[in-house]
N, C-alpha and C. Protein backbone atom coordinates (compact mmCIF):
# COMPACT_ATOMS: atom_id res chain seq x y z
N UNK A 1 139.91 139.65 103.87
CA UNK A 1 141.21 140.15 104.28
C UNK A 1 141.05 141.55 104.88
N UNK A 2 141.77 141.80 105.96
CA UNK A 2 141.66 143.09 106.62
C UNK A 2 142.35 144.17 105.80
N UNK A 3 141.79 145.36 105.80
CA UNK A 3 142.38 146.45 105.06
C UNK A 3 143.61 146.97 105.79
N UNK A 4 144.61 147.51 105.06
CA UNK A 4 145.81 148.05 105.70
C UNK A 4 145.46 149.16 106.71
N UNK A 5 144.44 149.94 106.42
CA UNK A 5 144.05 151.02 107.34
C UNK A 5 143.54 150.45 108.66
N UNK A 6 142.79 149.35 108.59
CA UNK A 6 142.29 148.71 109.80
C UNK A 6 143.43 148.09 110.61
N UNK A 7 144.36 147.45 109.93
CA UNK A 7 145.52 146.87 110.62
C UNK A 7 146.31 147.98 111.30
N UNK A 8 146.50 149.09 110.62
CA UNK A 8 147.22 150.22 111.22
C UNK A 8 146.46 150.76 112.42
N UNK A 9 145.15 150.79 112.34
CA UNK A 9 144.34 151.27 113.45
C UNK A 9 144.50 150.37 114.66
N UNK A 10 144.48 149.06 114.42
CA UNK A 10 144.64 148.13 115.54
C UNK A 10 146.03 148.25 116.15
N UNK A 11 147.04 148.39 115.32
CA UNK A 11 148.40 148.57 115.83
C UNK A 11 148.50 149.86 116.65
N UNK A 12 147.79 150.88 116.24
CA UNK A 12 147.79 152.13 116.99
C UNK A 12 147.19 151.94 118.37
N UNK A 13 146.13 151.11 118.47
CA UNK A 13 145.53 150.84 119.79
C UNK A 13 146.54 150.12 120.67
N UNK A 14 147.21 149.12 120.12
CA UNK A 14 148.21 148.41 120.91
C UNK A 14 149.31 149.34 121.34
N UNK A 15 149.75 150.22 120.43
CA UNK A 15 150.78 151.19 120.78
C UNK A 15 150.28 152.13 121.86
N UNK A 16 149.03 152.56 121.73
CA UNK A 16 148.45 153.47 122.72
C UNK A 16 148.40 152.81 124.09
N UNK A 17 148.08 151.52 124.12
CA UNK A 17 147.97 150.81 125.39
C UNK A 17 149.32 150.61 126.04
N UNK A 18 150.39 150.56 125.24
CA UNK A 18 151.70 150.35 125.82
C UNK A 18 152.56 151.61 125.73
N UNK A 19 151.95 152.72 125.33
CA UNK A 19 152.62 154.00 125.19
C UNK A 19 153.17 154.44 126.53
N UNK A 20 154.35 154.99 126.54
CA UNK A 20 154.98 155.41 127.78
C UNK A 20 154.73 156.89 128.01
N UNK A 21 154.03 157.19 129.10
CA UNK A 21 153.73 158.57 129.45
C UNK A 21 154.99 159.22 129.99
N UNK A 22 155.36 160.37 129.45
CA UNK A 22 156.54 161.07 129.95
C UNK A 22 156.11 162.25 130.78
N UNK A 23 157.00 162.69 131.66
CA UNK A 23 156.75 163.89 132.44
C UNK A 23 157.14 165.08 131.58
N UNK A 24 156.14 165.86 131.20
CA UNK A 24 156.41 167.02 130.36
C UNK A 24 155.61 168.19 130.88
N UNK A 25 155.83 169.33 130.28
CA UNK A 25 155.11 170.53 130.71
C UNK A 25 153.62 170.38 130.50
N UNK A 26 153.21 169.54 129.56
CA UNK A 26 151.79 169.35 129.31
C UNK A 26 151.14 168.33 130.24
N UNK A 27 151.95 167.56 131.00
CA UNK A 27 151.43 166.56 131.92
C UNK A 27 150.98 167.28 133.18
N UNK A 28 149.70 167.16 133.49
CA UNK A 28 149.16 167.89 134.63
C UNK A 28 148.95 167.00 135.84
N UNK A 29 149.67 165.86 135.91
CA UNK A 29 149.50 164.98 137.06
C UNK A 29 150.09 165.62 138.30
N UNK A 30 149.54 165.27 139.43
CA UNK A 30 149.98 165.82 140.70
C UNK A 30 150.37 164.66 141.60
N UNK A 31 151.67 164.54 141.90
CA UNK A 31 152.18 163.40 142.62
C UNK A 31 151.65 163.32 144.05
N UNK A 32 151.23 164.43 144.64
CA UNK A 32 150.77 164.40 146.01
C UNK A 32 149.29 164.05 146.12
N UNK A 33 148.60 164.06 145.03
CA UNK A 33 147.17 163.78 145.03
C UNK A 33 146.94 162.28 144.90
N UNK A 34 146.09 161.66 145.73
CA UNK A 34 145.85 160.23 145.58
C UNK A 34 145.18 159.96 144.25
N UNK A 35 145.68 158.97 143.54
CA UNK A 35 145.16 158.66 142.21
C UNK A 35 144.97 157.17 142.08
N UNK A 36 144.51 156.78 140.90
CA UNK A 36 144.29 155.36 140.62
C UNK A 36 145.60 154.57 140.61
N UNK A 37 146.74 155.25 140.45
CA UNK A 37 148.02 154.55 140.45
C UNK A 37 148.25 153.86 141.77
N UNK A 38 147.91 154.52 142.86
CA UNK A 38 148.10 153.93 144.17
C UNK A 38 147.38 152.60 144.25
N UNK A 39 146.13 152.59 143.84
CA UNK A 39 145.37 151.35 143.83
C UNK A 39 145.87 150.44 142.72
N UNK A 40 146.27 151.03 141.59
CA UNK A 40 146.72 150.26 140.44
C UNK A 40 147.95 149.43 140.73
N UNK A 41 148.83 149.91 141.61
CA UNK A 41 150.04 149.17 141.93
C UNK A 41 149.74 147.91 142.72
N UNK A 42 148.55 147.80 143.30
CA UNK A 42 148.20 146.64 144.10
C UNK A 42 147.18 145.75 143.39
N UNK A 43 146.79 146.11 142.17
CA UNK A 43 145.76 145.37 141.45
C UNK A 43 146.29 144.06 140.90
N UNK A 44 145.36 143.16 140.70
CA UNK A 44 145.68 141.93 140.02
C UNK A 44 146.32 140.89 140.91
N UNK A 45 146.64 139.76 140.31
CA UNK A 45 147.23 138.65 141.02
C UNK A 45 147.94 137.78 140.00
N UNK A 46 149.28 137.69 140.08
CA UNK A 46 150.01 136.88 139.08
C UNK A 46 149.55 135.43 139.05
N UNK A 47 148.93 134.93 140.12
CA UNK A 47 148.44 133.55 140.16
C UNK A 47 146.95 133.46 139.81
N UNK A 48 146.38 134.52 139.31
CA UNK A 48 144.96 134.56 139.01
C UNK A 48 144.59 133.55 137.93
N UNK A 49 143.40 133.02 138.04
CA UNK A 49 142.85 132.15 137.02
C UNK A 49 142.16 133.05 136.00
N UNK A 50 142.57 132.95 134.76
CA UNK A 50 141.99 133.80 133.71
C UNK A 50 140.58 133.33 133.35
N UNK A 51 139.76 134.27 132.91
CA UNK A 51 138.42 133.91 132.47
C UNK A 51 138.51 133.10 131.19
N UNK A 52 137.45 132.35 130.92
CA UNK A 52 137.41 131.52 129.72
C UNK A 52 137.22 132.33 128.45
N UNK A 53 137.72 131.78 127.37
CA UNK A 53 137.62 132.45 126.06
C UNK A 53 136.17 132.67 125.65
N UNK A 54 135.35 131.64 125.82
CA UNK A 54 133.94 131.74 125.42
C UNK A 54 133.23 132.84 126.21
N UNK A 55 133.46 132.91 127.53
CA UNK A 55 132.82 133.92 128.34
C UNK A 55 133.27 135.31 127.92
N UNK A 56 134.58 135.50 127.71
CA UNK A 56 135.09 136.82 127.34
C UNK A 56 134.55 137.25 125.98
N UNK A 57 134.49 136.31 125.05
CA UNK A 57 133.94 136.63 123.73
C UNK A 57 132.48 137.06 123.86
N UNK A 58 131.75 136.46 124.79
CA UNK A 58 130.36 136.82 125.03
C UNK A 58 130.18 138.21 125.60
N UNK A 59 131.25 138.81 126.10
CA UNK A 59 131.17 140.17 126.64
C UNK A 59 131.26 141.25 125.56
N UNK A 60 131.60 140.85 124.35
CA UNK A 60 131.65 141.80 123.24
C UNK A 60 130.23 142.18 122.84
N UNK A 61 130.01 143.44 122.61
CA UNK A 61 128.67 143.93 122.25
C UNK A 61 128.27 143.46 120.86
N UNK A 62 126.97 143.22 120.67
CA UNK A 62 126.46 142.87 119.35
C UNK A 62 126.39 144.09 118.44
N UNK A 63 126.37 145.25 119.06
CA UNK A 63 126.35 146.51 118.31
C UNK A 63 127.14 147.53 119.09
N UNK A 64 127.94 148.31 118.41
CA UNK A 64 128.75 149.35 119.02
C UNK A 64 128.36 150.66 118.35
N UNK A 65 127.64 151.50 119.07
CA UNK A 65 127.09 152.70 118.46
C UNK A 65 126.12 152.26 117.38
N UNK A 66 126.29 152.78 116.18
CA UNK A 66 125.42 152.40 115.07
C UNK A 66 125.99 151.24 114.26
N UNK A 67 127.14 150.72 114.66
CA UNK A 67 127.79 149.66 113.89
C UNK A 67 127.48 148.28 114.48
N UNK A 68 127.09 147.36 113.62
CA UNK A 68 126.79 146.00 114.05
C UNK A 68 128.06 145.15 114.06
N UNK A 69 128.05 144.14 114.92
CA UNK A 69 129.15 143.19 115.01
C UNK A 69 129.36 142.52 113.66
N UNK A 70 130.61 142.51 113.21
CA UNK A 70 130.95 141.89 111.95
C UNK A 70 131.52 140.50 112.18
N UNK A 71 132.57 140.41 112.99
CA UNK A 71 133.16 139.12 113.34
C UNK A 71 133.85 139.24 114.69
N UNK A 72 134.01 138.08 115.37
CA UNK A 72 134.65 138.09 116.67
C UNK A 72 135.36 136.78 116.91
N UNK A 73 136.26 136.80 117.89
CA UNK A 73 136.99 135.60 118.26
C UNK A 73 137.66 135.83 119.60
N UNK A 74 138.19 134.76 120.17
CA UNK A 74 138.88 134.85 121.46
C UNK A 74 139.95 133.77 121.52
N UNK A 75 140.99 134.04 122.31
CA UNK A 75 142.06 133.07 122.47
C UNK A 75 142.88 133.39 123.71
N UNK A 76 143.65 132.41 124.14
CA UNK A 76 144.66 132.63 125.17
C UNK A 76 145.93 132.97 124.41
N UNK A 77 146.66 133.96 124.89
CA UNK A 77 147.87 134.40 124.21
C UNK A 77 148.83 134.97 125.25
N UNK A 78 149.99 135.40 124.80
CA UNK A 78 150.96 136.03 125.69
C UNK A 78 151.01 137.52 125.41
N UNK A 79 151.12 138.29 126.47
CA UNK A 79 151.30 139.74 126.38
C UNK A 79 152.41 140.09 127.36
N UNK A 80 153.49 140.61 126.84
CA UNK A 80 154.67 140.93 127.66
C UNK A 80 155.11 139.72 128.49
N UNK A 81 155.02 138.54 127.89
CA UNK A 81 155.48 137.33 128.54
C UNK A 81 154.51 136.70 129.53
N UNK A 82 153.34 137.28 129.73
CA UNK A 82 152.35 136.73 130.64
C UNK A 82 151.13 136.28 129.84
N UNK A 83 150.52 135.18 130.29
CA UNK A 83 149.34 134.65 129.62
C UNK A 83 148.14 135.55 129.89
N UNK A 84 147.37 135.82 128.85
CA UNK A 84 146.14 136.60 128.95
C UNK A 84 145.06 135.90 128.13
N UNK A 85 143.82 136.19 128.46
CA UNK A 85 142.70 135.80 127.60
C UNK A 85 142.28 137.06 126.86
N UNK A 86 142.11 136.94 125.55
CA UNK A 86 141.77 138.12 124.75
C UNK A 86 140.63 137.79 123.80
N UNK A 87 139.64 138.68 123.77
CA UNK A 87 138.55 138.58 122.81
C UNK A 87 138.59 139.83 121.94
N UNK A 88 138.32 139.66 120.66
CA UNK A 88 138.39 140.80 119.74
C UNK A 88 137.26 140.73 118.74
N UNK A 89 136.76 141.90 118.35
CA UNK A 89 135.68 141.97 117.38
C UNK A 89 135.88 143.15 116.45
N UNK A 90 135.34 143.01 115.25
CA UNK A 90 135.29 144.13 114.32
C UNK A 90 133.82 144.50 114.14
N UNK A 91 133.60 145.78 113.90
CA UNK A 91 132.24 146.31 113.76
C UNK A 91 132.12 147.11 112.48
N UNK A 92 130.92 147.13 111.93
CA UNK A 92 130.63 147.88 110.72
C UNK A 92 130.91 147.06 109.48
N UNK A 93 130.23 147.38 108.40
CA UNK A 93 130.40 146.66 107.14
C UNK A 93 131.82 146.75 106.63
N UNK A 94 132.46 147.89 106.85
CA UNK A 94 133.83 148.08 106.38
C UNK A 94 134.86 147.68 107.43
N UNK A 95 134.39 147.12 108.57
CA UNK A 95 135.27 146.70 109.68
C UNK A 95 136.18 147.84 110.14
N UNK A 96 135.58 149.02 110.29
CA UNK A 96 136.37 150.20 110.64
C UNK A 96 136.55 150.40 112.13
N UNK A 97 135.91 149.58 112.93
CA UNK A 97 136.02 149.69 114.38
C UNK A 97 136.42 148.33 114.94
N UNK A 98 137.41 148.35 115.83
CA UNK A 98 137.90 147.13 116.47
C UNK A 98 137.80 147.31 117.97
N UNK A 99 137.31 146.30 118.67
CA UNK A 99 137.29 146.30 120.13
C UNK A 99 137.99 145.02 120.60
N UNK A 100 138.90 145.18 121.54
CA UNK A 100 139.57 144.04 122.15
C UNK A 100 139.38 144.13 123.66
N UNK A 101 139.03 143.01 124.28
CA UNK A 101 138.94 142.92 125.73
C UNK A 101 139.99 141.92 126.17
N UNK A 102 140.88 142.33 127.07
CA UNK A 102 141.97 141.47 127.52
C UNK A 102 141.92 141.32 129.02
N UNK A 103 141.95 140.07 129.49
CA UNK A 103 142.02 139.78 130.92
C UNK A 103 143.49 139.83 131.32
N UNK A 104 143.87 140.90 132.02
CA UNK A 104 145.27 141.12 132.40
C UNK A 104 145.49 140.86 133.89
N UNK A 105 144.67 140.00 134.48
CA UNK A 105 144.75 139.74 135.92
C UNK A 105 146.13 139.24 136.35
N UNK A 106 146.80 138.48 135.51
CA UNK A 106 148.10 137.92 135.88
C UNK A 106 149.21 138.97 135.95
N UNK A 107 148.94 140.18 135.52
CA UNK A 107 149.97 141.22 135.58
C UNK A 107 150.25 141.67 137.00
N UNK A 108 149.39 141.30 137.94
CA UNK A 108 149.61 141.70 139.32
C UNK A 108 149.76 143.21 139.43
N UNK A 109 150.77 143.65 140.14
CA UNK A 109 150.98 145.08 140.34
C UNK A 109 151.74 145.71 139.20
N UNK A 110 152.08 144.96 138.17
CA UNK A 110 152.86 145.47 137.05
C UNK A 110 151.98 145.98 135.92
N UNK A 111 150.92 146.70 136.26
CA UNK A 111 150.01 147.23 135.24
C UNK A 111 150.60 148.37 134.44
N UNK A 112 151.67 148.99 134.92
CA UNK A 112 152.27 150.11 134.21
C UNK A 112 152.73 149.70 132.82
N UNK A 113 153.01 148.43 132.62
CA UNK A 113 153.44 147.96 131.31
C UNK A 113 152.34 148.00 130.27
N UNK A 114 151.09 147.89 130.70
CA UNK A 114 149.97 147.89 129.76
C UNK A 114 149.05 149.09 129.92
N UNK A 115 149.13 149.76 131.05
CA UNK A 115 148.31 150.97 131.28
C UNK A 115 149.19 152.07 131.89
N UNK A 116 150.20 152.55 131.17
CA UNK A 116 151.10 153.56 131.73
C UNK A 116 150.40 154.89 132.03
N UNK A 117 149.23 155.09 131.48
CA UNK A 117 148.47 156.31 131.70
C UNK A 117 147.67 156.26 132.99
N UNK A 118 147.58 155.10 133.62
CA UNK A 118 146.78 154.93 134.82
C UNK A 118 147.31 155.83 135.94
N UNK A 119 146.43 156.63 136.50
CA UNK A 119 146.81 157.52 137.59
C UNK A 119 147.38 158.85 137.13
N UNK A 120 147.48 159.05 135.84
CA UNK A 120 147.97 160.32 135.31
C UNK A 120 146.78 161.20 134.94
N UNK A 121 146.97 162.48 135.06
CA UNK A 121 145.96 163.44 134.65
C UNK A 121 146.47 164.09 133.38
N UNK A 122 146.11 163.52 132.23
CA UNK A 122 146.61 163.99 130.94
C UNK A 122 145.54 164.76 130.19
N UNK A 123 145.98 165.83 129.59
CA UNK A 123 145.13 166.60 128.68
C UNK A 123 146.08 167.27 127.69
N UNK A 124 146.60 166.48 126.76
CA UNK A 124 147.61 166.93 125.81
C UNK A 124 146.97 167.16 124.45
N UNK A 125 147.32 168.27 123.83
CA UNK A 125 146.80 168.59 122.51
C UNK A 125 147.97 168.83 121.57
N UNK A 126 147.88 168.23 120.39
CA UNK A 126 148.88 168.46 119.35
C UNK A 126 148.15 168.62 118.03
N UNK A 127 148.15 169.83 117.50
CA UNK A 127 147.38 170.09 116.29
C UNK A 127 145.91 169.82 116.54
N UNK A 128 145.29 169.01 115.69
CA UNK A 128 143.89 168.64 115.87
C UNK A 128 143.74 167.34 116.65
N UNK A 129 144.86 166.77 117.11
CA UNK A 129 144.82 165.53 117.86
C UNK A 129 144.96 165.78 119.35
N UNK A 130 144.69 164.75 120.15
CA UNK A 130 144.81 164.90 121.60
C UNK A 130 144.96 163.56 122.29
N UNK A 131 145.38 163.62 123.55
CA UNK A 131 145.39 162.48 124.48
C UNK A 131 144.87 163.02 125.79
N UNK A 132 143.91 162.30 126.38
CA UNK A 132 143.40 162.74 127.68
C UNK A 132 142.93 161.53 128.49
N UNK A 133 143.10 161.65 129.78
CA UNK A 133 142.60 160.63 130.68
C UNK A 133 141.27 161.11 131.23
N UNK A 134 140.41 160.16 131.53
CA UNK A 134 139.11 160.48 132.11
C UNK A 134 138.56 159.20 132.72
N UNK A 135 137.27 159.16 132.91
CA UNK A 135 136.59 157.97 133.43
C UNK A 135 135.39 157.67 132.55
N UNK A 136 135.17 156.39 132.30
CA UNK A 136 133.97 155.93 131.59
C UNK A 136 133.27 154.98 132.55
N UNK A 137 132.05 155.33 132.94
CA UNK A 137 131.29 154.54 133.90
C UNK A 137 132.12 154.25 135.17
N UNK A 138 132.84 155.25 135.64
CA UNK A 138 133.68 155.17 136.85
C UNK A 138 134.94 154.32 136.69
N UNK A 139 135.30 153.94 135.48
CA UNK A 139 136.53 153.19 135.22
C UNK A 139 137.53 154.11 134.53
N UNK A 140 138.81 154.06 134.92
CA UNK A 140 139.81 154.96 134.32
C UNK A 140 139.99 154.67 132.83
N UNK A 141 140.15 155.74 132.06
CA UNK A 141 140.28 155.57 130.61
C UNK A 141 141.29 156.54 130.02
N UNK A 142 141.77 156.18 128.84
CA UNK A 142 142.62 157.04 128.03
C UNK A 142 141.93 157.19 126.68
N UNK A 143 141.76 158.42 126.24
CA UNK A 143 141.13 158.69 124.95
C UNK A 143 142.12 159.46 124.09
N UNK A 144 142.25 159.05 122.84
CA UNK A 144 143.16 159.76 121.93
C UNK A 144 142.49 159.96 120.58
N UNK A 145 142.99 160.95 119.87
CA UNK A 145 142.56 161.15 118.49
C UNK A 145 143.76 161.59 117.69
N UNK A 146 144.04 160.88 116.59
CA UNK A 146 145.11 161.22 115.67
C UNK A 146 144.45 161.78 114.42
N UNK A 147 144.51 163.10 114.26
CA UNK A 147 143.82 163.75 113.15
C UNK A 147 144.41 163.36 111.81
N UNK A 148 145.72 163.18 111.73
CA UNK A 148 146.36 162.84 110.47
C UNK A 148 145.85 161.49 109.95
N UNK A 149 145.61 160.54 110.84
CA UNK A 149 145.14 159.22 110.45
C UNK A 149 143.64 159.06 110.63
N UNK A 150 142.98 160.11 111.13
CA UNK A 150 141.55 160.05 111.44
C UNK A 150 141.26 158.82 112.30
N UNK A 151 142.05 158.65 113.35
CA UNK A 151 142.01 157.46 114.19
C UNK A 151 141.66 157.84 115.63
N UNK A 152 140.54 157.31 116.10
CA UNK A 152 140.10 157.51 117.48
C UNK A 152 140.40 156.24 118.27
N UNK A 153 140.89 156.39 119.50
CA UNK A 153 141.12 155.24 120.37
C UNK A 153 140.60 155.53 121.77
N UNK A 154 140.09 154.50 122.39
CA UNK A 154 139.63 154.58 123.78
C UNK A 154 140.09 153.31 124.47
N UNK A 155 140.77 153.46 125.60
CA UNK A 155 141.19 152.33 126.42
C UNK A 155 140.61 152.52 127.81
N UNK A 156 140.04 151.45 128.38
CA UNK A 156 139.40 151.52 129.69
C UNK A 156 139.87 150.33 130.53
N UNK A 157 140.29 150.59 131.77
CA UNK A 157 140.63 149.51 132.69
C UNK A 157 139.39 149.22 133.54
N UNK A 158 138.81 148.04 133.36
CA UNK A 158 137.55 147.68 134.00
C UNK A 158 137.79 146.66 135.11
N UNK A 159 137.31 146.98 136.30
CA UNK A 159 137.38 146.04 137.41
C UNK A 159 138.78 145.63 137.79
N UNK A 160 139.74 146.47 137.52
CA UNK A 160 141.14 146.23 137.86
C UNK A 160 141.74 145.00 137.20
N UNK A 161 141.08 144.47 136.15
CA UNK A 161 141.66 143.31 135.48
C UNK A 161 141.35 143.20 134.00
N UNK A 162 140.40 143.94 133.46
CA UNK A 162 140.06 143.83 132.05
C UNK A 162 140.41 145.14 131.33
N UNK A 163 141.20 145.04 130.29
CA UNK A 163 141.53 146.20 129.47
C UNK A 163 140.68 146.16 128.22
N UNK A 164 139.79 147.14 128.08
CA UNK A 164 138.95 147.27 126.90
C UNK A 164 139.60 148.33 126.02
N UNK A 165 140.01 147.94 124.82
CA UNK A 165 140.66 148.86 123.90
C UNK A 165 139.85 148.91 122.61
N UNK A 166 139.42 150.11 122.24
CA UNK A 166 138.62 150.29 121.03
C UNK A 166 139.32 151.29 120.12
N UNK A 167 139.27 151.03 118.84
CA UNK A 167 139.84 151.93 117.86
C UNK A 167 138.89 152.03 116.67
N UNK A 168 138.82 153.21 116.08
CA UNK A 168 137.91 153.40 114.96
C UNK A 168 138.41 154.47 114.01
N UNK A 169 138.25 154.21 112.73
CA UNK A 169 138.53 155.22 111.72
C UNK A 169 137.24 155.83 111.19
N UNK A 170 136.09 155.38 111.71
CA UNK A 170 134.81 155.92 111.25
C UNK A 170 134.07 156.69 112.34
N UNK A 171 134.54 156.62 113.58
CA UNK A 171 133.91 157.36 114.68
C UNK A 171 134.90 158.36 115.25
N UNK A 172 134.38 159.47 115.70
CA UNK A 172 135.19 160.43 116.45
C UNK A 172 135.37 159.88 117.86
N UNK A 173 136.30 160.43 118.60
CA UNK A 173 136.60 159.91 119.94
C UNK A 173 135.39 159.97 120.86
N UNK A 174 134.62 161.06 120.82
CA UNK A 174 133.45 161.16 121.70
C UNK A 174 132.41 160.10 121.34
N UNK A 175 132.24 159.82 120.06
CA UNK A 175 131.31 158.78 119.64
C UNK A 175 131.78 157.41 120.10
N UNK A 176 133.09 157.16 119.96
CA UNK A 176 133.65 155.88 120.37
C UNK A 176 133.56 155.73 121.88
N UNK A 177 133.82 156.81 122.59
CA UNK A 177 133.71 156.79 124.06
C UNK A 177 132.27 156.45 124.47
N UNK A 178 131.30 157.10 123.84
CA UNK A 178 129.89 156.83 124.15
C UNK A 178 129.51 155.39 123.82
N UNK A 179 130.03 154.87 122.71
CA UNK A 179 129.74 153.50 122.31
C UNK A 179 130.33 152.51 123.32
N UNK A 180 131.56 152.74 123.77
CA UNK A 180 132.18 151.86 124.77
C UNK A 180 131.40 151.94 126.07
N UNK A 181 130.90 153.12 126.41
CA UNK A 181 130.12 153.28 127.65
C UNK A 181 128.83 152.47 127.63
N UNK A 182 128.32 152.14 126.45
CA UNK A 182 127.09 151.34 126.38
C UNK A 182 127.35 149.85 126.56
N UNK A 183 128.61 149.44 126.54
CA UNK A 183 128.93 148.03 126.80
C UNK A 183 128.62 147.75 128.26
N UNK A 184 128.38 146.52 128.59
CA UNK A 184 128.04 146.14 129.97
C UNK A 184 129.31 146.06 130.81
N UNK A 185 129.93 147.21 131.08
CA UNK A 185 131.21 147.24 131.79
C UNK A 185 131.11 146.72 133.22
N UNK A 186 130.00 147.02 133.91
CA UNK A 186 129.84 146.52 135.27
C UNK A 186 129.74 145.00 135.29
N UNK A 187 129.06 144.41 134.31
CA UNK A 187 128.98 142.95 134.22
C UNK A 187 130.36 142.37 133.92
N UNK A 188 131.11 143.03 133.06
CA UNK A 188 132.47 142.60 132.76
C UNK A 188 133.33 142.63 134.02
N UNK A 189 133.19 143.67 134.82
CA UNK A 189 134.00 143.83 136.03
C UNK A 189 133.78 142.69 137.02
N UNK A 190 132.58 142.10 137.01
CA UNK A 190 132.27 141.00 137.94
C UNK A 190 133.00 139.73 137.57
N UNK A 191 133.41 139.62 136.32
CA UNK A 191 134.12 138.41 135.89
C UNK A 191 133.19 137.25 135.63
N UNK A 192 133.78 136.13 135.35
CA UNK A 192 133.05 134.92 134.96
C UNK A 192 132.34 134.31 136.16
């Protein structure tokens, strides 16, 4: 049975992925500068054929940082009313790290619903926690740390169709970011 802390961590990743970025004094985005949003609005295809569950599950790493794969699975499911293929794994003996890879190709140009941070230049700090956008292996990412919950999250949009979301209560954000960077993201971007 999953621990309540792990379930909360996974829910935080989902919340982070659907979190709505607001325009605030701390938001340093520049509307006149070309960003990934311009390309992001044209990404995907609502008629896209989703990758297979077995293939997507095979894209999960056998080891994430120093943590070995504990368990994994994949399924077709609905996200915001659209069908997606999703693979998920837990890592470490205590299952303190979760990685989910979701094929969101059917979202078409409506990626703002699942990646509202795309194209934003965020560097927000609150206490010992933060939210910032960056790139991992040339793919746009959002990294957060919630100090109160000791929860690190990293979300990466790979190849304009795969959302890799990782959360951990045992790794700091930089460690989780480095671990996600070791995944075969370029192979994932090529698809099945």
